[in-house]
PDB file of N, CA and C in Angstrom:
ATOM      1  N   MET A   1       0.775  -1.233   0.032  1.00  0.00           N
ATOM      2  CA  MET A   1      -0.296  -0.072  -0.031  1.00  0.00           C
ATOM      3  C   MET A   1       0.811   1.480   0.158  1.00  0.00           C
ATOM      4  N   ALA A   2       1.989   1.275   0.911  1.00  0.00           N
ATOM      5  CA  ALA A   2       2.643   2.225   0.671  1.00  0.00           C
ATOM      6  C   ALA A   2       3.319   2.597  -0.426  1.00  0.00           C
ATOM      7  N   ASN A   3       3.727   1.476  -1.012  1.00  0.00           N
ATOM      8  CA  ASN A   3       4.305   1.585  -2.683  1.00  0.00           C
ATOM      9  C   ASN A   3       3.299   2.766  -3.511  1.00  0.00           C
ATOM     10  N   ASN A   4       2.025   2.515  -3.293  1.00  0.00           N
ATOM     11  CA  ASN A   4       1.201   2.731  -4.181  1.00  0.00           C
ATOM     12  C   ASN A   4       1.025   4.242  -4.094  1.00  0.00           C
ATOM     13  N   ALA A   5       1.160   4.789  -2.833  1.00  0.00           N
ATOM     14  CA  ALA A   5       1.316   6.218  -2.431  1.00  0.00           C
ATOM     15  C   ALA A   5       2.301   6.883  -3.096  1.00  0.00           C
ATOM     16  N   PHE A   6       3.495   6.139  -2.860  1.00  0.00           N
ATOM     17  CA  PHE A   6       4.897   6.956  -3.684  1.00  0.00           C
ATOM     18  C   PHE A   6       5.050   6.896  -4.971  1.00  0.00           C
ATOM     19  N   ILE A   7       4.030   5.668  -5.651  1.00  0.00           N
ATOM     20  CA  ILE A   7       4.210   5.714  -7.370  1.00  0.00           C
ATOM     21  C   ILE A   7       3.409   6.831  -7.251  1.00  0.00           C
ATOM     22  N   ASN A   8       1.865   6.960  -6.724  1.00  0.00           N
ATOM     23  CA  ASN A   8       0.770   7.912  -7.126  1.00  0.00           C
ATOM     24  C   ASN A   8       1.732   9.425  -7.276  1.00  0.00           C
ATOM     25  N   LEU A   9       2.702   9.974  -6.017  1.00  0.00           N
ATOM     26  CA  LEU A   9       3.144  11.204  -5.674  1.00  0.00           C
ATOM     27  C   LEU A   9       4.551  11.354  -7.114  1.00  0.00           C
ATOM     28  N   PHE A  10       5.011  10.284  -7.411  1.00  0.00           N
ATOM     29  CA  PHE A  10       5.848  10.092  -8.251  1.00  0.00           C
ATOM     30  C   PHE A  10       5.344  10.716  -9.880  1.00  0.00           C
ATOM     31  N   LYS A  11       4.400  10.066  -9.849  1.00  0.00           N
ATOM     32  CA  LYS A  11       3.690  10.206 -11.167  1.00  0.00           C
ATOM     33  C   LYS A  11       3.433  11.819 -11.377  1.00  0.00           C
ATOM     34  N   ARG A  12       2.449  12.065 -10.080  1.00  0.00           N
ATOM     35  CA  ARG A  12       2.284  13.716 -10.180  1.00  0.00           C
ATOM     36  C   ARG A  12       3.469  14.611 -10.654  1.00  0.00           C
ATOM     37  N   ASP A  13       4.541  14.385  -9.888  1.00  0.00           N
ATOM     38  CA  ASP A  13       5.362  15.556  -9.949  1.00  0.00           C
ATOM     39  C   ASP A  13       6.249  15.152 -11.048  1.00  0.00           C
ATOM     40  N   PHE A  14       6.409  13.766 -12.041  1.00  0.00           N
ATOM     41  CA  PHE A  14       7.096  13.815 -13.482  1.00  0.00           C
ATOM     42  C   PHE A  14       6.087  14.403 -14.115  1.00  0.00           C
ATOM     43  N   LYS A  15       4.927  14.105 -13.928  1.00  0.00           N
ATOM     44  CA  LYS A  15       4.079  15.011 -15.046  1.00  0.00           C
ATOM     45  C   LYS A  15       4.012  16.680 -15.088  1.00  0.00           C
ATOM     46  N   GLN A  16       4.001  16.815 -13.686  1.00  0.00           N
ATOM     47  CA  GLN A  16       4.044  18.369 -13.339  1.00  0.00           C
ATOM     48  C   GLN A  16       5.081  18.899 -14.096  1.00  0.00           C
ATOM     49  N   LEU A  17       6.355  18.352 -13.841  1.00  0.00           N
ATOM     50  CA  LEU A  17       7.911  18.819 -14.117  1.00  0.00           C
ATOM     51  C   LEU A  17       7.571  18.785 -15.686  1.00  0.00           C
ATOM     52  N   ALA A  18       7.248  18.166 -16.507  1.00  0.00           N
ATOM     53  CA  ALA A  18       6.871  17.588 -17.698  1.00  0.00           C
ATOM     54  C   ALA A  18       6.361  18.825 -17.919  1.00  0.00           C
ATOM     55  N   ASP A  19       5.336  18.929 -17.522  1.00  0.00           N
ATOM     56  CA  ASP A  19       4.242  19.942 -18.079  1.00  0.00           C
ATOM     57  C   ASP A  19       4.938  21.773 -18.007  1.00  0.00           C
ATOM     58  N   GLU A  20       5.580  21.652 -16.838  1.00  0.00           N
ATOM     59  CA  GLU A  20       6.406  22.916 -17.041  1.00  0.00           C
ATOM     60  C   GLU A  20       7.543  22.996 -17.721  1.00  0.00           C
ATOM     61  N   ILE A  21       8.101  22.326 -18.433  1.00  0.00           N
ATOM     62  CA  ILE A  21       9.103  22.419 -19.300  1.00  0.00           C
ATOM     63  C   ILE A  21       8.049  22.337 -20.899  1.00  0.00           C
ATOM     64  N   LYS A  22       7.040  21.890 -20.763  1.00  0.00           N
ATOM     65  CA  LYS A  22       6.520  21.967 -22.560  1.00  0.00           C
ATOM     66  C   LYS A  22       5.548  23.639 -22.073  1.00  0.00           C
ATOM     67  N   SER A  23       5.775  24.356 -20.745  1.00  0.00           N
ATOM     68  CA  SER A  23       4.988  25.395 -21.168  1.00  0.00           C
ATOM     69  C   SER A  23       5.663  26.564 -21.558  1.00  0.00           C
ATOM     70  N   TYR A  24       7.089  26.430 -21.771  1.00  0.00           N
ATOM     71  CA  TYR A  24       7.759  27.210 -22.416  1.00  0.00           C
ATOM     72  C   TYR A  24       7.503  27.574 -23.589  1.00  0.00           C
ATOM     73  N   ASN A  25       7.186  29.142 -24.154  1.00  0.00           N
ATOM     74  CA  ASN A  25       7.065  29.466 -25.609  1.00  0.00           C
ATOM     75  C   ASN A  25       8.289  29.207 -26.250  1.00  0.00           C
ATOM     76  N   ASP A  26       8.905  29.804 -25.664  1.00  0.00           N
ATOM     77  CA  ASP A  26      10.301  29.799 -26.475  1.00  0.00           C
ATOM     78  C   ASP A  26      12.013  28.903 -25.687  1.00  0.00           C
ATOM     79  N   GLU A  27      12.314  27.967 -26.052  1.00  0.00           N
ATOM     80  CA  GLU A  27      13.050  26.801 -25.861  1.00  0.00           C
ATOM     81  C   GLU A  27      14.394  27.756 -24.993  1.00  0.00           C
ATOM     82  N   GLU A  28      14.579  28.901 -25.533  1.00  0.00           N
ATOM     83  CA  GLU A  28      15.620  29.521 -24.991  1.00  0.00           C
ATOM     84  C   GLU A  28      15.518  29.922 -23.326  1.00  0.00           C
ATOM     85  N   TYR A  29      14.172  29.859 -23.195  1.00  0.00           N
ATOM     86  CA  TYR A  29      13.699  30.846 -21.632  1.00  0.00           C
ATOM     87  C   TYR A  29      14.086  29.486 -20.700  1.00  0.00           C
ATOM     88  N   ILE A  30      14.082  28.150 -21.589  1.00  0.00           N
ATOM     89  CA  ILE A  30      14.386  27.280 -20.433  1.00  0.00           C
ATOM     90  C   ILE A  30      15.962  27.254 -19.463  1.00  0.00           C
ATOM     91  N   TRP A  31      16.698  27.863 -20.545  1.00  0.00           N
ATOM     92  CA  TRP A  31      17.870  27.962 -19.929  1.00  0.00           C
ATOM     93  C   TRP A  31      18.418  29.253 -19.209  1.00  0.00           C
ATOM     94  N   ILE A  32      17.191  30.304 -18.971  1.00  0.00           N
ATOM     95  CA  ILE A  32      17.774  31.307 -18.653  1.00  0.00           C
ATOM     96  C   ILE A  32      17.825  31.442 -16.991  1.00  0.00           C
ATOM     97  N   VAL A  33      19.065  31.712 -16.186  1.00  0.00           N
ATOM     98  CA  VAL A  33      19.152  32.204 -14.721  1.00  0.00           C
ATOM     99  C   VAL A  33      18.940  33.515 -14.745  1.00  0.00           C
ATOM    100  N   LYS A  34      18.079  33.987 -13.508  1.00  0.00           N
ATOM    101  CA  LYS A  34      17.879  35.598 -13.144  1.00  0.00           C
ATOM    102  C   LYS A  34      18.367  35.385 -11.597  1.00  0.00           C
ATOM    103  N   ALA A  35      18.660  36.750 -11.385  1.00  0.00           N
ATOM    104  CA  ALA A  35      18.841  37.245 -10.128  1.00  0.00           C
ATOM    105  C   ALA A  35      19.934  35.735  -9.175  1.00  0.00           C
ATOM    106  N   LYS A  36      18.904  35.827  -8.011  1.00  0.00           N
ATOM    107  CA  LYS A  36      19.411  34.764  -6.992  1.00  0.00           C
ATOM    108  C   LYS A  36      19.160  33.272  -7.363  1.00  0.00           C
ATOM    109  N   ILE A  37      18.312  33.168  -8.280  1.00  0.00           N
ATOM    110  CA  ILE A  37      18.233  31.608  -8.900  1.00  0.00           C
ATOM    111  C   ILE A  37      19.837  31.151  -9.334  1.00  0.00           C
ATOM    112  N   ASN A  38      20.176  29.639  -9.150  1.00  0.00           N
ATOM    113  CA  ASN A  38      21.481  29.474  -9.476  1.00  0.00           C
ATOM    114  C   ASN A  38      21.705  28.066 -10.513  1.00  0.00           C
ATOM    115  N   ASN A  39      20.236  27.801 -10.734  1.00  0.00           N
ATOM    116  CA  ASN A  39      19.952  26.943 -11.885  1.00  0.00           C
ATOM    117  C   ASN A  39      18.628  27.446 -13.076  1.00  0.00           C
ATOM    118  N   SER A  40      18.986  26.922 -14.101  1.00  0.00           N
ATOM    119  CA  SER A  40      17.977  27.105 -15.391  1.00  0.00           C
ATOM    120  C   SER A  40      16.940  26.408 -14.772  1.00  0.00           C
ATOM    121  N   ALA A  41      15.833  26.586 -15.569  1.00  0.00           N
ATOM    122  CA  ALA A  41      14.604  25.196 -15.686  1.00  0.00           C
ATOM    123  C   ALA A  41      15.382  23.734 -15.976  1.00  0.00           C
ATOM    124  N   GLY A  42      15.804  24.229 -17.216  1.00  0.00           N
ATOM    125  CA  GLY A  42      16.313  23.048 -17.915  1.00  0.00           C
ATOM    126  C   GLY A  42      17.540  22.231 -16.951  1.00  0.00           C
ATOM    127  N   ASN A  43      18.306  23.126 -16.375  1.00  0.00           N
ATOM    128  CA  ASN A  43      19.188  22.298 -15.529  1.00  0.00           C
ATOM    129  C   ASN A  43      18.602  21.779 -14.432  1.00  0.00           C
ATOM    130  N   PHE A  44      17.640  22.151 -13.529  1.00  0.00           N
ATOM    131  CA  PHE A  44      16.889  21.684 -12.863  1.00  0.00           C
ATOM    132  C   PHE A  44      16.144  20.548 -13.159  1.00  0.00           C
ATOM    133  N   ALA A  45      15.422  20.489 -14.382  1.00  0.00           N
ATOM    134  CA  ALA A  45      14.932  19.136 -14.617  1.00  0.00           C
ATOM    135  C   ALA A  45      16.079  18.009 -14.971  1.00  0.00           C
ATOM    136  N   MET A  46      17.172  18.476 -15.338  1.00  0.00           N
ATOM    137  CA  MET A  46      17.855  17.633 -15.745  1.00  0.00           C
ATOM    138  C   MET A  46      18.504  16.655 -14.493  1.00  0.00           C
ATOM    139  N   HIS A  47      18.852  17.529 -13.307  1.00  0.00           N
ATOM    140  CA  HIS A  47      19.693  17.301 -12.108  1.00  0.00           C
ATOM    141  C   HIS A  47      18.152  16.551 -11.190  1.00  0.00           C
ATOM    142  N   PHE A  48      17.105  16.759 -11.436  1.00  0.00           N
ATOM    143  CA  PHE A  48      16.349  16.035 -10.817  1.00  0.00           C
ATOM    144  C   PHE A  48      15.970  14.660 -11.608  1.00  0.00           C
ATOM    145  N   ALA A  49      16.081  14.637 -12.853  1.00  0.00           N
ATOM    146  CA  ALA A  49      15.760  13.233 -13.256  1.00  0.00           C
ATOM    147  C   ALA A  49      16.927  12.092 -13.038  1.00  0.00           C
ATOM    148  N   GLY A  50      18.318  12.843 -13.216  1.00  0.00           N
ATOM    149  CA  GLY A  50      19.254  12.280 -12.587  1.00  0.00           C
ATOM    150  C   GLY A  50      19.443  11.718 -11.372  1.00  0.00           C
ATOM    151  N   ASN A  51      18.846  12.508 -10.439  1.00  0.00           N
ATOM    152  CA  ASN A  51      19.221  12.170  -8.920  1.00  0.00           C
ATOM    153  C   ASN A  51      18.222  10.957  -8.995  1.00  0.00           C
ATOM    154  N   LEU A  52      17.061  11.224  -9.396  1.00  0.00           N
ATOM    155  CA  LEU A  52      16.212   9.832  -9.021  1.00  0.00           C
ATOM    156  C   LEU A  52      16.542   8.634  -9.864  1.00  0.00           C
ATOM    157  N   GLN A  53      17.360   8.979 -10.995  1.00  0.00           N
ATOM    158  CA  GLN A  53      17.620   7.508 -11.821  1.00  0.00           C
ATOM    159  C   GLN A  53      19.054   6.811 -10.917  1.00  0.00           C
ATOM    160  N   HIS A  54      19.407   7.770 -10.387  1.00  0.00           N
ATOM    161  CA  HIS A  54      20.592   7.165  -9.845  1.00  0.00           C
ATOM    162  C   HIS A  54      20.548   6.509  -8.435  1.00  0.00           C
ATOM    163  N   PHE A  55      19.428   7.214  -7.543  1.00  0.00           N
ATOM    164  CA  PHE A  55      19.423   7.057  -6.252  1.00  0.00           C
ATOM    165  C   PHE A  55      18.348   6.070  -6.005  1.00  0.00           C
ATOM    166  N   ILE A  56      16.934   6.123  -6.835  1.00  0.00           N
ATOM    167  CA  ILE A  56      15.871   5.434  -6.728  1.00  0.00           C
ATOM    168  C   ILE A  56      16.044   4.020  -7.831  1.00  0.00           C
ATOM    169  N   GLY A  57      16.749   4.251  -8.997  1.00  0.00           N
ATOM    170  CA  GLY A  57      16.637   3.348 -10.015  1.00  0.00           C
ATOM    171  C   GLY A  57      18.028   2.591 -10.024  1.00  0.00           C
ATOM    172  N   ASN A  58      18.817   3.122 -10.105  1.00  0.00           N
ATOM    173  CA  ASN A  58      20.198   2.600  -9.628  1.00  0.00           C
ATOM    174  C   ASN A  58      20.525   1.546  -8.296  1.00  0.00           C
ATOM    175  N   VAL A  59      20.434   2.715  -7.278  1.00  0.00           N
ATOM    176  CA  VAL A  59      20.683   2.344  -5.899  1.00  0.00           C
ATOM    177  C   VAL A  59      19.975   1.283  -5.618  1.00  0.00           C
ATOM    178  N   LEU A  60      18.555   1.348  -5.653  1.00  0.00           N
ATOM    179  CA  LEU A  60      17.373   0.465  -5.348  1.00  0.00           C
ATOM    180  C   LEU A  60      17.161  -0.392  -6.256  1.00  0.00           C
ATOM    181  N   GLY A  61      17.268   0.245  -7.496  1.00  0.00           N
ATOM    182  CA  GLY A  61      16.575  -0.994  -8.376  1.00  0.00           C
ATOM    183  C   GLY A  61      17.819  -1.888  -9.355  1.00  0.00           C
ATOM    184  N   ASN A  62      18.919  -1.411  -9.034  1.00  0.00           N
ATOM    185  CA  ASN A  62      20.126  -1.813 -10.150  1.00  0.00           C
ATOM    186  C   ASN A  62      19.936  -1.796 -11.871  1.00  0.00           C
ATOM    187  N   THR A  63      19.235  -0.479 -12.078  1.00  0.00           N
ATOM    188  CA  THR A  63      19.728  -0.332 -13.209  1.00  0.00           C
ATOM    189  C   THR A  63      20.664  -0.227 -14.191  1.00  0.00           C
ATOM    190  N   ALA A  64      21.695  -0.194 -13.421  1.00  0.00           N
ATOM    191  CA  ALA A  64      23.238   0.253 -14.197  1.00  0.00           C
ATOM    192  C   ALA A  64      22.944   1.913 -14.545  1.00  0.00           C
ATOM    193  N   TYR A  65      22.215   2.232 -14.612  1.00  0.00           N
ATOM    194  CA  TYR A  65      22.354   3.760 -14.922  1.00  0.00           C
ATOM    195  C   TYR A  65      23.526   4.583 -14.192  1.00  0.00           C
ATOM    196  N   ILE A  66      24.208   5.379 -14.895  1.00  0.00           N
ATOM    197  CA  ILE A  66      25.483   5.983 -14.741  1.00  0.00           C
ATOM    198  C   ILE A  66      25.424   7.300 -14.960  1.00  0.00           C
ATOM    199  N   ARG A  67      25.535   8.296 -13.778  1.00  0.00           N
ATOM    200  CA  ARG A  67      24.818   9.451 -13.483  1.00  0.00           C
ATOM    201  C   ARG A  67      26.171  10.227 -13.918  1.00  0.00           C
ATOM    202  N   ASP A  68      25.886  11.377 -14.320  1.00  0.00           N
ATOM    203  CA  ASP A  68      26.797  12.868 -14.706  1.00  0.00           C
ATOM    204  C   ASP A  68      26.213  13.650 -13.854  1.00  0.00           C
ATOM    205  N   ARG A  69      26.596  14.283 -12.837  1.00  0.00           N
ATOM    206  CA  ARG A  69      26.143  15.185 -12.016  1.00  0.00           C
ATOM    207  C   ARG A  69      26.486  16.349 -12.696  1.00  0.00           C
ATOM    208  N   GLN A  70      27.714  16.736 -12.731  1.00  0.00           N
ATOM    209  CA  GLN A  70      28.083  17.845 -13.761  1.00  0.00           C
ATOM    210  C   GLN A  70      27.683  18.151 -15.106  1.00  0.00           C
ATOM    211  N   TYR A  71      27.016  17.279 -16.035  1.00  0.00           N
ATOM    212  CA  TYR A  71      26.325  17.602 -17.105  1.00  0.00           C
ATOM    213  C   TYR A  71      25.002  18.023 -16.883  1.00  0.00           C
ATOM    214  N   GLU A  72      24.504  17.470 -15.947  1.00  0.00           N
ATOM    215  CA  GLU A  72      22.828  17.818 -15.470  1.00  0.00           C
ATOM    216  C   GLU A  72      22.914  19.331 -15.134  1.00  0.00           C
ATOM    217  N   LEU A  73      23.722  19.479 -14.366  1.00  0.00           N
ATOM    218  CA  LEU A  73      23.886  21.210 -13.749  1.00  0.00           C
ATOM    219  C   LEU A  73      24.674  22.281 -14.826  1.00  0.00           C
ATOM    220  N   ASN A  74      25.427  21.580 -15.898  1.00  0.00           N
ATOM    221  CA  ASN A  74      26.117  22.555 -16.629  1.00  0.00           C
ATOM    222  C   ASN A  74      25.429  22.506 -18.079  1.00  0.00           C
ATOM    223  N   CYS A  75      25.259  21.532 -18.641  1.00  0.00           N
ATOM    224  CA  CYS A  75      24.588  21.404 -20.163  1.00  0.00           C
ATOM    225  C   CYS A  75      23.607  22.759 -20.359  1.00  0.00           C
ATOM    226  N   LYS A  76      23.437  22.682 -21.693  1.00  0.00           N
ATOM    227  CA  LYS A  76      22.731  24.048 -21.655  1.00  0.00           C
ATOM    228  C   LYS A  76      22.411  23.945 -23.273  1.00  0.00           C
ATOM    229  N   GLY A  77      21.286  24.161 -23.655  1.00  0.00           N
ATOM    230  CA  GLY A  77      20.696  24.148 -24.997  1.00  0.00           C
ATOM    231  C   GLY A  77      19.648  23.022 -25.457  1.00  0.00           C
ATOM    232  N   LEU A  78      19.905  22.133 -24.689  1.00  0.00           N
ATOM    233  CA  LEU A  78      19.006  21.020 -25.355  1.00  0.00           C
ATOM    234  C   LEU A  78      17.571  21.557 -25.417  1.00  0.00           C
ATOM    235  N   SER A  79      16.545  20.815 -26.397  1.00  0.00           N
ATOM    236  CA  SER A  79      15.737  20.881 -26.726  1.00  0.00           C
ATOM    237  C   SER A  79      14.512  20.281 -25.476  1.00  0.00           C
ATOM    238  N   SER A  80      13.458  21.045 -25.268  1.00  0.00           N
ATOM    239  CA  SER A  80      12.315  20.455 -25.076  1.00  0.00           C
ATOM    240  C   SER A  80      11.962  18.927 -24.469  1.00  0.00           C
ATOM    241  N   SER A  81      12.429  18.796 -26.172  1.00  0.00           N
ATOM    242  CA  SER A  81      11.724  17.234 -26.300  1.00  0.00           C
ATOM    243  C   SER A  81      12.851  16.372 -25.846  1.00  0.00           C
ATOM    244  N   LYS A  82      13.990  16.391 -25.763  1.00  0.00           N
ATOM    245  CA  LYS A  82      15.313  15.970 -25.149  1.00  0.00           C
ATOM    246  C   LYS A  82      15.089  15.970 -23.374  1.00  0.00           C
ATOM    247  N   ILE A  83      14.649  17.040 -22.760  1.00  0.00           N
ATOM    248  CA  ILE A  83      14.320  17.751 -21.613  1.00  0.00           C
ATOM    249  C   ILE A  83      13.357  16.493 -21.024  1.00  0.00           C
ATOM    250  N   ILE A  84      12.106  16.365 -21.529  1.00  0.00           N
ATOM    251  CA  ILE A  84      11.300  15.506 -21.566  1.00  0.00           C
ATOM    252  C   ILE A  84      11.509  13.805 -21.375  1.00  0.00           C
ATOM    253  N   GLU A  85      12.197  13.783 -22.465  1.00  0.00           N
ATOM    254  CA  GLU A  85      12.707  12.065 -23.171  1.00  0.00           C
ATOM    255  C   GLU A  85      13.281  11.768 -21.699  1.00  0.00           C
ATOM    256  N   THR A  86      14.288  12.890 -21.389  1.00  0.00           N
ATOM    257  CA  THR A  86      14.985  12.411 -20.197  1.00  0.00           C
ATOM    258  C   THR A  86      13.811  12.201 -18.564  1.00  0.00           C
ATOM    259  N   ILE A  87      13.311  13.265 -18.327  1.00  0.00           N
ATOM    260  CA  ILE A  87      12.462  13.016 -17.416  1.00  0.00           C
ATOM    261  C   ILE A  87      11.370  11.945 -17.562  1.00  0.00           C
ATOM    262  N   ASN A  88      10.780  11.562 -18.974  1.00  0.00           N
ATOM    263  CA  ASN A  88      10.263  10.126 -19.304  1.00  0.00           C
ATOM    264  C   ASN A  88      11.666   8.760 -18.811  1.00  0.00           C
ATOM    265  N   ASN A  89      12.414   9.074 -18.807  1.00  0.00           N
ATOM    266  CA  ASN A  89      13.110   7.780 -18.712  1.00  0.00           C
ATOM    267  C   ASN A  89      13.375   7.413 -16.891  1.00  0.00           C
ATOM    268  N   ALA A  90      13.426   9.056 -16.475  1.00  0.00           N
ATOM    269  CA  ALA A  90      13.836   8.759 -14.931  1.00  0.00           C
ATOM    270  C   ALA A  90      12.084   8.225 -14.529  1.00  0.00           C
ATOM    271  N   GLU A  91      11.100   8.781 -15.048  1.00  0.00           N
ATOM    272  CA  GLU A  91      10.028   8.549 -14.548  1.00  0.00           C
ATOM    273  C   GLU A  91       9.959   6.778 -14.924  1.00  0.00           C
ATOM    274  N   ASN A  92      10.274   6.023 -15.996  1.00  0.00           N
ATOM    275  CA  ASN A  92      10.211   4.661 -15.999  1.00  0.00           C
ATOM    276  C   ASN A  92      10.857   3.493 -14.906  1.00  0.00           C
ATOM    277  N   ASP A  93      12.397   4.516 -14.701  1.00  0.00           N
ATOM    278  CA  ASP A  93      13.149   3.707 -14.060  1.00  0.00           C
ATOM    279  C   ASP A  93      12.382   3.332 -12.468  1.00  0.00           C
ATOM    280  N   VAL A  94      12.189   4.883 -12.190  1.00  0.00           N
ATOM    281  CA  VAL A  94      11.487   4.838 -10.595  1.00  0.00           C
ATOM    282  C   VAL A  94      10.473   4.301 -10.197  1.00  0.00           C
ATOM    283  N   LEU A  95       9.885   4.584 -11.355  1.00  0.00           N
ATOM    284  CA  LEU A  95       8.056   3.575 -11.113  1.00  0.00           C
ATOM    285  C   LEU A  95       8.313   1.927 -11.183  1.00  0.00           C
ATOM    286  N   SER A  96       9.287   1.295 -12.222  1.00  0.00           N
ATOM    287  CA  SER A  96       9.765   0.191 -12.039  1.00  0.00           C
ATOM    288  C   SER A  96      10.444  -0.181 -11.103  1.00  0.00           C
ATOM    289  N   THR A  97      11.153   0.365 -10.445  1.00  0.00           N
ATOM    290  CA  THR A  97      11.977   0.227  -9.074  1.00  0.00           C
ATOM    291  C   THR A  97      11.028  -0.115  -8.287  1.00  0.00           C
ATOM    292  N   LEU A  98       9.902   1.191  -8.085  1.00  0.00           N
ATOM    293  CA  LEU A  98       9.113   1.281  -6.885  1.00  0.00           C
ATOM    294  C   LEU A  98       8.111  -0.160  -6.842  1.00  0.00           C
ATOM    295  N   ASN A  99       7.779  -0.311  -8.039  1.00  0.00           N
ATOM    296  CA  ASN A  99       6.586  -1.326  -8.537  1.00  0.00           C
ATOM    297  C   ASN A  99       7.459  -2.633  -8.011  1.00  0.00           C
ATOM    298  N   LYS A 100       8.653  -2.732  -7.994  1.00  0.00           N
ATOM    299  CA  LYS A 100       9.756  -4.126  -7.602  1.00  0.00           C
ATOM    300  C   LYS A 100       9.775  -4.270  -6.131  1.00  0.00           C
ATOM    301  N   LEU A 101       9.502  -3.315  -5.573  1.00  0.00           N
ATOM    302  CA  LEU A 101      10.159  -3.340  -3.598  1.00  0.00           C
ATOM    303  C   LEU A 101       8.862  -3.519  -3.073  1.00  0.00           C
ATOM    304  N   SER A 102       9.350  -4.534  -2.280  1.00  0.00           N
ATOM    305  CA  SER A 102       8.159  -4.742  -1.036  1.00  0.00           C
ATOM    306  C   SER A 102       8.228  -3.735   0.145  1.00  0.00           C
ATOM    307  N   LEU A 103       6.796  -3.873   0.798  1.00  0.00           N
ATOM    308  CA  LEU A 103       6.985  -3.009   2.030  1.00  0.00           C
ATOM    309  C   LEU A 103       8.074  -3.034   2.696  1.00  0.00           C
ATOM    310  N   SER A 104       8.865  -3.961   3.014  1.00  0.00           N
ATOM    311  CA  SER A 104       9.968  -3.952   4.182  1.00  0.00           C
ATOM    312  C   SER A 104      11.044  -3.604   2.940  1.00  0.00           C
ATOM    313  N   ASP A 105      11.511  -3.547   1.901  1.00  0.00           N
ATOM    314  CA  ASP A 105      12.517  -2.741   1.320  1.00  0.00           C
ATOM    315  C   ASP A 105      12.515  -1.515   1.451  1.00  0.00           C
TER     316      ASP A 105
END
């Protein structure tokens, strides 16, 4: 039962993140950093996806995902479709892992 709650939360949040990336009218805006914000929306999305693929997918689910944290935080100019593909890959790894875990895990 607890797994279902986590699965539903992750589904919701992955969808919200993808929807936010899709909402940019101009893909250049995805990479803008303003004022005291350290990361662009694109870098945040890549970092979020990489973090979850590493800690849930790889560490808990043994997916063999190899994380490149520096790339996540420093890449620029990826298309929104590439970012969404990365988000979707992370979602697949996370949900697949959570579906395999027992409550005692």
